[in-house]
Amino acid sequence: MDGITKSFLATQLDEAMAMAASSDLVRLAVIGGPELLVAEFRCRGLVRSVAGNIEEADHFVVGFHFAADYLRRVRPPEVLTWIEPASIWHPNIGGPRSPTGICIGNITPATPLVDLLYRVYELISWQSFTPVEYDALNIDACSWARANLHRFPIDGRPLRWRGSLADPAFMPDPALPGSLLDSMEIVG
């Protein structure tokens, strides 16, 4: 990776860390360097239970990989990877067509990391989704979404949201198991 790309990614990481520090809804972990990151979102979104019910959840993890040529060329399936939960329910995420896929729309070379984080958050919280099957990764979730528009957004808080202990309805459940990020180098 050349010096310009390294400098760009270091700046992007600094900006994303600052954004994460101002939010109770996202945390970041670096895996070996700024070209490989994991983001944990603690917002409300939807999953499909084993029984087939659509239910709310509040823990989602996405991987970000920035190739050496990210400033010149982008291959979206290589930039974003859905990690967990596998049962995510969203037209733009996962599904039988692409279990680890996530489509946030067009990603141009050098798209800032903070922009990518916002776009992923908007999908998870159902502030954004594709309403047409031919453009969806999960066709069943797309059809379901059109019939349930009254439910959206699932989580309307801004990504830079700061909660308070006086508002437990929006805080993660402390009884939940530890997160994947707890075993990584947390940077924000």
C-alpha atoms as a PDB file:
ATOM      1  CA  MET A   1       0.000   0.000   0.000  1.00  0.00           C
ATOM      2  CA  ASP A   2       1.422   3.388  -0.993  1.00  0.00           C
ATOM      3  CA  GLY A   3       1.982   6.291   1.411  1.00  0.00           C
ATOM      4  CA  ILE A   4      -0.919   8.360   0.087  1.00  0.00           C
ATOM      5  CA  THR A   5      -3.407   5.538   0.670  1.00  0.00           C
ATOM      6  CA  LYS A   6      -1.958   4.842   4.142  1.00  0.00           C
ATOM      7  CA  SER A   7      -2.283   8.523   5.048  1.00  0.00           C
ATOM      8  CA  PHE A   8      -5.846   8.644   3.696  1.00  0.00           C
ATOM      9  CA  LEU A   9      -6.856   5.560   5.697  1.00  0.00           C
ATOM     10  CA  ALA A  10      -5.206   6.903   8.866  1.00  0.00           C
ATOM     11  CA  THR A  11      -7.176  10.145   8.495  1.00  0.00           C
ATOM     12  CA  GLN A  12     -10.387   8.190   7.870  1.00  0.00           C
ATOM     13  CA  LEU A  13      -9.768   6.121  10.981  1.00  0.00           C
ATOM     14  CA  ASP A  14      -9.172   9.253  13.083  1.00  0.00           C
ATOM     15  CA  GLU A  15     -12.424  10.799  11.839  1.00  0.00           C
ATOM     16  CA  ALA A  16     -14.367   7.578  12.435  1.00  0.00           C
ATOM     17  CA  MET A  17     -12.914   7.262  15.939  1.00  0.00           C
ATOM     18  CA  ALA A  18     -14.054  10.811  16.723  1.00  0.00           C
ATOM     19  CA  MET A  19     -17.532  10.019  15.423  1.00  0.00           C
ATOM     20  CA  ALA A  20     -17.695   6.762  17.411  1.00  0.00           C
ATOM     21  CA  ALA A  21     -16.552   8.606  20.540  1.00  0.00           C
ATOM     22  CA  SER A  22     -19.582  10.872  20.195  1.00  0.00           C
ATOM     23  CA  SER A  23     -22.037   7.978  19.868  1.00  0.00           C
ATOM     24  CA  ASP A  24     -23.449   5.245  22.072  1.00  0.00           C
ATOM     25  CA  LEU A  25     -24.585   3.393  18.948  1.00  0.00           C
ATOM     26  CA  VAL A  26     -21.301   2.407  17.258  1.00  0.00           C
ATOM     27  CA  ARG A  27     -17.891   1.072  18.277  1.00  0.00           C
ATOM     28  CA  LEU A  28     -14.889   0.347  16.073  1.00  0.00           C
ATOM     29  CA  ALA A  29     -12.096  -2.200  16.218  1.00  0.00           C
ATOM     30  CA  VAL A  30      -8.947  -2.222  14.097  1.00  0.00           C
ATOM     31  CA  ILE A  31      -7.664  -5.599  12.946  1.00  0.00           C
ATOM     32  CA  GLY A  32      -3.984  -5.188  12.170  1.00  0.00           C
ATOM     33  CA  GLY A  33      -4.240  -1.720  10.623  1.00  0.00           C
ATOM     34  CA  PRO A  34      -6.637   0.907   9.246  1.00  0.00           C
ATOM     35  CA  GLU A  35      -7.315  -1.161   6.113  1.00  0.00           C
ATOM     36  CA  LEU A  36      -9.346  -3.735   8.068  1.00  0.00           C
ATOM     37  CA  LEU A  37     -11.986  -2.641  10.608  1.00  0.00           C
ATOM     38  CA  VAL A  38     -14.999  -4.048  12.378  1.00  0.00           C
ATOM     39  CA  ALA A  39     -17.928  -1.875  13.441  1.00  0.00           C
ATOM     40  CA  GLU A  40     -20.428  -2.881  16.111  1.00  0.00           C
ATOM     41  CA  PHE A  41     -23.787  -1.140  15.976  1.00  0.00           C
ATOM     42  CA  ARG A  42     -25.979  -1.074  19.111  1.00  0.00           C
ATOM     43  CA  CYS A  43     -29.161   0.205  17.521  1.00  0.00           C
ATOM     44  CA  ARG A  44     -32.524  -1.379  16.855  1.00  0.00           C
ATOM     45  CA  GLY A  45     -32.952  -3.371  13.670  1.00  0.00           C
ATOM     46  CA  LEU A  46     -34.726  -6.535  12.610  1.00  0.00           C
ATOM     47  CA  VAL A  47     -33.870 -10.236  12.542  1.00  0.00           C
ATOM     48  CA  ARG A  48     -35.826 -13.319  11.530  1.00  0.00           C
ATOM     49  CA  SER A  49     -36.163 -15.802  14.383  1.00  0.00           C
ATOM     50  CA  VAL A  50     -35.769 -19.560  13.997  1.00  0.00           C
ATOM     51  CA  ALA A  51     -39.580 -19.754  14.164  1.00  0.00           C
ATOM     52  CA  GLY A  52     -39.809 -17.322  11.227  1.00  0.00           C
ATOM     53  CA  ASN A  53     -41.004 -14.286  13.197  1.00  0.00           C
ATOM     54  CA  ILE A  54     -39.626 -10.830  12.437  1.00  0.00           C
ATOM     55  CA  GLU A  55     -38.245  -9.433  15.715  1.00  0.00           C
ATOM     56  CA  GLU A  56     -36.212  -6.471  16.904  1.00  0.00           C
ATOM     57  CA  ALA A  57     -32.565  -6.894  17.858  1.00  0.00           C
ATOM     58  CA  ASP A  58     -29.942  -4.409  19.030  1.00  0.00           C
ATOM     59  CA  HIS A  59     -26.547  -5.845  18.116  1.00  0.00           C
ATOM     60  CA  PHE A  60     -25.089  -5.867  14.592  1.00  0.00           C
ATOM     61  CA  VAL A  61     -21.512  -6.282  13.323  1.00  0.00           C
ATOM     62  CA  VAL A  62     -20.071  -5.280   9.928  1.00  0.00           C
ATOM     63  CA  GLY A  63     -16.555  -5.630   8.527  1.00  0.00           C
ATOM     64  CA  PHE A  64     -14.794  -3.002   6.382  1.00  0.00           C
ATOM     65  CA  HIS A  65     -11.828  -3.782   4.131  1.00  0.00           C
ATOM     66  CA  PHE A  66      -9.987  -1.092   2.190  1.00  0.00           C
ATOM     67  CA  ALA A  67      -7.805  -2.511  -0.598  1.00  0.00           C
ATOM     68  CA  ALA A  68      -4.492  -0.945  -1.569  1.00  0.00           C
ATOM     69  CA  ASP A  69      -6.173   0.658  -4.606  1.00  0.00           C
ATOM     70  CA  TYR A  70      -9.231   2.039  -2.699  1.00  0.00           C
ATOM     71  CA  LEU A  71      -8.440   5.588  -3.866  1.00  0.00           C
ATOM     72  CA  ARG A  72      -8.654   4.481  -7.504  1.00  0.00           C
ATOM     73  CA  ARG A  73     -11.087   1.562  -7.665  1.00  0.00           C
ATOM     74  CA  VAL A  74     -13.792   0.096  -5.437  1.00  0.00           C
ATOM     75  CA  ARG A  75     -15.243  -3.393  -5.408  1.00  0.00           C
ATOM     76  CA  PRO A  76     -18.200  -2.990  -2.998  1.00  0.00           C
ATOM     77  CA  PRO A  77     -18.475  -6.693  -2.033  1.00  0.00           C
ATOM     78  CA  GLU A  78     -14.862  -6.512  -0.846  1.00  0.00           C
ATOM     79  CA  VAL A  79     -15.352  -3.269   1.112  1.00  0.00           C
ATOM     80  CA  LEU A  80     -18.339  -4.364   3.246  1.00  0.00           C
ATOM     81  CA  THR A  81     -19.014  -7.747   4.836  1.00  0.00           C
ATOM     82  CA  TRP A  82     -21.994  -8.601   7.025  1.00  0.00           C
ATOM     83  CA  ILE A  83     -20.698 -10.486  10.097  1.00  0.00           C
ATOM     84  CA  GLU A  84     -23.581 -10.902  12.553  1.00  0.00           C
ATOM     85  CA  PRO A  85     -26.310 -11.730  13.218  1.00  0.00           C
ATOM     86  CA  ALA A  86     -26.754 -14.142  10.322  1.00  0.00           C
ATOM     87  CA  SER A  87     -30.516 -13.787  10.786  1.00  0.00           C
ATOM     88  CA  ILE A  88     -30.543 -10.082   9.800  1.00  0.00           C
ATOM     89  CA  TRP A  89     -33.822  -9.112   8.127  1.00  0.00           C
ATOM     90  CA  HIS A  90     -33.329  -6.386   5.538  1.00  0.00           C
ATOM     91  CA  PRO A  91     -33.690  -6.183   1.746  1.00  0.00           C
ATOM     92  CA  ASN A  92     -30.153  -4.790   1.371  1.00  0.00           C
ATOM     93  CA  ILE A  93     -28.379  -7.194   3.728  1.00  0.00           C
ATOM     94  CA  GLY A  94     -27.697 -10.919   3.550  1.00  0.00           C
ATOM     95  CA  GLY A  95     -30.372 -13.252   2.381  1.00  0.00           C
ATOM     96  CA  PRO A  96     -29.984 -16.395   0.284  1.00  0.00           C
ATOM     97  CA  ARG A  97     -28.460 -14.490  -2.655  1.00  0.00           C
ATOM     98  CA  SER A  98     -25.516 -13.179  -0.623  1.00  0.00           C
ATOM     99  CA  PRO A  99     -25.350 -14.271   3.058  1.00  0.00           C
ATOM    100  CA  THR A 100     -22.513 -11.861   3.927  1.00  0.00           C
ATOM    101  CA  GLY A 101     -23.450  -9.178   1.403  1.00  0.00           C
ATOM    102  CA  ILE A 102     -24.534  -5.663   2.221  1.00  0.00           C
ATOM    103  CA  CYS A 103     -25.559  -3.095  -0.374  1.00  0.00           C
ATOM    104  CA  ILE A 104     -25.455   0.551   0.713  1.00  0.00           C
ATOM    105  CA  GLY A 105     -25.738   1.882  -2.821  1.00  0.00           C
ATOM    106  CA  ASN A 106     -22.946   3.292  -4.940  1.00  0.00           C
ATOM    107  CA  ILE A 107     -19.502   3.410  -3.325  1.00  0.00           C
ATOM    108  CA  THR A 108     -17.042   5.586  -5.213  1.00  0.00           C
ATOM    109  CA  PRO A 109     -13.266   5.482  -4.802  1.00  0.00           C
ATOM    110  CA  ALA A 110     -12.147   7.237  -1.614  1.00  0.00           C
ATOM    111  CA  THR A 111     -15.632   7.284  -0.048  1.00  0.00           C
ATOM    112  CA  PRO A 112     -14.972   8.407   3.549  1.00  0.00           C
ATOM    113  CA  LEU A 113     -15.283   5.782   6.285  1.00  0.00           C
ATOM    114  CA  VAL A 114     -17.684   7.988   8.271  1.00  0.00           C
ATOM    115  CA  ASP A 115     -20.002   8.102   5.240  1.00  0.00           C
ATOM    116  CA  LEU A 116     -19.913   4.311   5.003  1.00  0.00           C
ATOM    117  CA  LEU A 117     -20.720   3.989   8.724  1.00  0.00           C
ATOM    118  CA  TYR A 118     -23.701   6.322   8.376  1.00  0.00           C
ATOM    119  CA  ARG A 119     -25.024   4.431   5.365  1.00  0.00           C
ATOM    120  CA  VAL A 120     -24.713   1.055   7.113  1.00  0.00           C
ATOM    121  CA  TYR A 121     -26.456   2.467  10.203  1.00  0.00           C
ATOM    122  CA  GLU A 122     -29.300   3.812   8.060  1.00  0.00           C
ATOM    123  CA  LEU A 123     -29.844   0.315   6.656  1.00  0.00           C
ATOM    124  CA  ILE A 124     -29.706  -1.517   9.987  1.00  0.00           C
ATOM    125  CA  SER A 125     -32.144   0.932  11.595  1.00  0.00           C
ATOM    126  CA  TRP A 126     -34.457   0.839   8.557  1.00  0.00           C
ATOM    127  CA  GLN A 127     -34.042   4.521   7.748  1.00  0.00           C
ATOM    128  CA  SER A 128     -33.130   3.316   4.250  1.00  0.00           C
ATOM    129  CA  PHE A 129     -33.915   0.227   2.137  1.00  0.00           C
ATOM    130  CA  THR A 130     -34.579  -0.809  -1.431  1.00  0.00           C
ATOM    131  CA  PRO A 131     -38.287  -1.343  -2.142  1.00  0.00           C
ATOM    132  CA  VAL A 132     -37.855  -3.347  -5.366  1.00  0.00           C
ATOM    133  CA  GLU A 133     -37.066  -7.050  -5.634  1.00  0.00           C
ATOM    134  CA  TYR A 134     -34.739  -6.835  -8.651  1.00  0.00           C
ATOM    135  CA  ASP A 135     -32.413  -4.610  -6.604  1.00  0.00           C
ATOM    136  CA  ALA A 136     -32.608  -6.533  -3.303  1.00  0.00           C
ATOM    137  CA  LEU A 137     -30.263  -9.099  -1.786  1.00  0.00           C
ATOM    138  CA  ASN A 138     -33.113 -10.518   0.311  1.00  0.00           C
ATOM    139  CA  ILE A 139     -36.243 -10.620  -1.847  1.00  0.00           C
ATOM    140  CA  ASP A 140     -38.492 -11.897   0.979  1.00  0.00           C
ATOM    141  CA  ALA A 141     -37.451  -9.007   3.243  1.00  0.00           C
ATOM    142  CA  CYS A 142     -38.098  -6.579   0.393  1.00  0.00           C
ATOM    143  CA  SER A 143     -41.649  -7.825  -0.116  1.00  0.00           C
ATOM    144  CA  TRP A 144     -42.246  -7.830   3.665  1.00  0.00           C
ATOM    145  CA  ALA A 145     -40.942  -4.241   3.925  1.00  0.00           C
ATOM    146  CA  ARG A 146     -43.419  -2.875   1.396  1.00  0.00           C
ATOM    147  CA  ALA A 147     -46.274  -4.424   3.414  1.00  0.00           C
ATOM    148  CA  ASN A 148     -44.928  -2.974   6.692  1.00  0.00           C
ATOM    149  CA  LEU A 149     -43.950   0.604   5.840  1.00  0.00           C
ATOM    150  CA  HIS A 150     -45.758   1.850   8.953  1.00  0.00           C
ATOM    151  CA  ARG A 151     -43.026   0.263  11.128  1.00  0.00           C
ATOM    152  CA  PHE A 152     -40.123   2.292   9.770  1.00  0.00           C
ATOM    153  CA  PRO A 153     -37.725   3.525  10.867  1.00  0.00           C
ATOM    154  CA  ILE A 154     -37.133   0.849  13.495  1.00  0.00           C
ATOM    155  CA  ASP A 155     -34.648   3.159  15.216  1.00  0.00           C
ATOM    156  CA  GLY A 156     -34.933   6.855  14.390  1.00  0.00           C
ATOM    157  CA  ARG A 157     -32.074   8.085  16.547  1.00  0.00           C
ATOM    158  CA  PRO A 158     -29.171   9.842  14.840  1.00  0.00           C
ATOM    159  CA  LEU A 159     -25.933   7.846  14.712  1.00  0.00           C
ATOM    160  CA  ARG A 160     -24.190  10.404  16.950  1.00  0.00           C
ATOM    161  CA  TRP A 161     -26.777   9.741  19.642  1.00  0.00           C
ATOM    162  CA  ARG A 162     -25.765   9.856  23.309  1.00  0.00           C
ATOM    163  CA  GLY A 163     -28.170   8.205  25.702  1.00  0.00           C
ATOM    164  CA  SER A 164     -28.552   8.509  29.395  1.00  0.00           C
ATOM    165  CA  LEU A 165     -28.938   5.926  32.108  1.00  0.00           C
ATOM    166  CA  ALA A 166     -32.297   7.555  32.837  1.00  0.00           C
ATOM    167  CA  ASP A 167     -33.510   6.267  29.469  1.00  0.00           C
ATOM    168  CA  PRO A 168     -33.094   2.468  29.748  1.00  0.00           C
ATOM    169  CA  ALA A 169     -35.369   1.770  26.772  1.00  0.00           C
ATOM    170  CA  PHE A 170     -32.537   2.748  24.439  1.00  0.00           C
ATOM    171  CA  MET A 171     -29.634   1.138  26.272  1.00  0.00           C
ATOM    172  CA  PRO A 172     -28.276  -2.309  25.337  1.00  0.00           C
ATOM    173  CA  ASP A 173     -29.357  -5.128  27.619  1.00  0.00           C
ATOM    174  CA  PRO A 174     -26.488  -5.766  30.100  1.00  0.00           C
ATOM    175  CA  ALA A 175     -27.553  -9.420  30.318  1.00  0.00           C
ATOM    176  CA  LEU A 176     -26.576  -9.984  26.668  1.00  0.00           C
ATOM    177  CA  PRO A 177     -23.384 -11.952  26.049  1.00  0.00           C
ATOM    178  CA  GLY A 178     -20.160 -10.051  25.394  1.00  0.00           C
ATOM    179  CA  SER A 179     -19.671  -8.644  21.951  1.00  0.00           C
ATOM    180  CA  LEU A 180     -17.275  -9.763  19.253  1.00  0.00           C
ATOM    181  CA  LEU A 181     -15.479  -6.453  19.607  1.00  0.00           C
ATOM    182  CA  ASP A 182     -14.637  -7.104  23.264  1.00  0.00           C
ATOM    183  CA  SER A 183     -11.864  -9.441  22.076  1.00  0.00           C
ATOM    184  CA  MET A 184     -10.399  -6.914  19.612  1.00  0.00           C
ATOM    185  CA  GLU A 185      -8.427  -3.702  19.829  1.00  0.00           C
ATOM    186  CA  ILE A 186     -11.157  -1.093  20.362  1.00  0.00           C
ATOM    187  CA  VAL A 187     -10.176   2.274  18.952  1.00  0.00           C
ATOM    188  CA  GLY A 188     -13.319   4.290  19.426  1.00  0.00           C
END
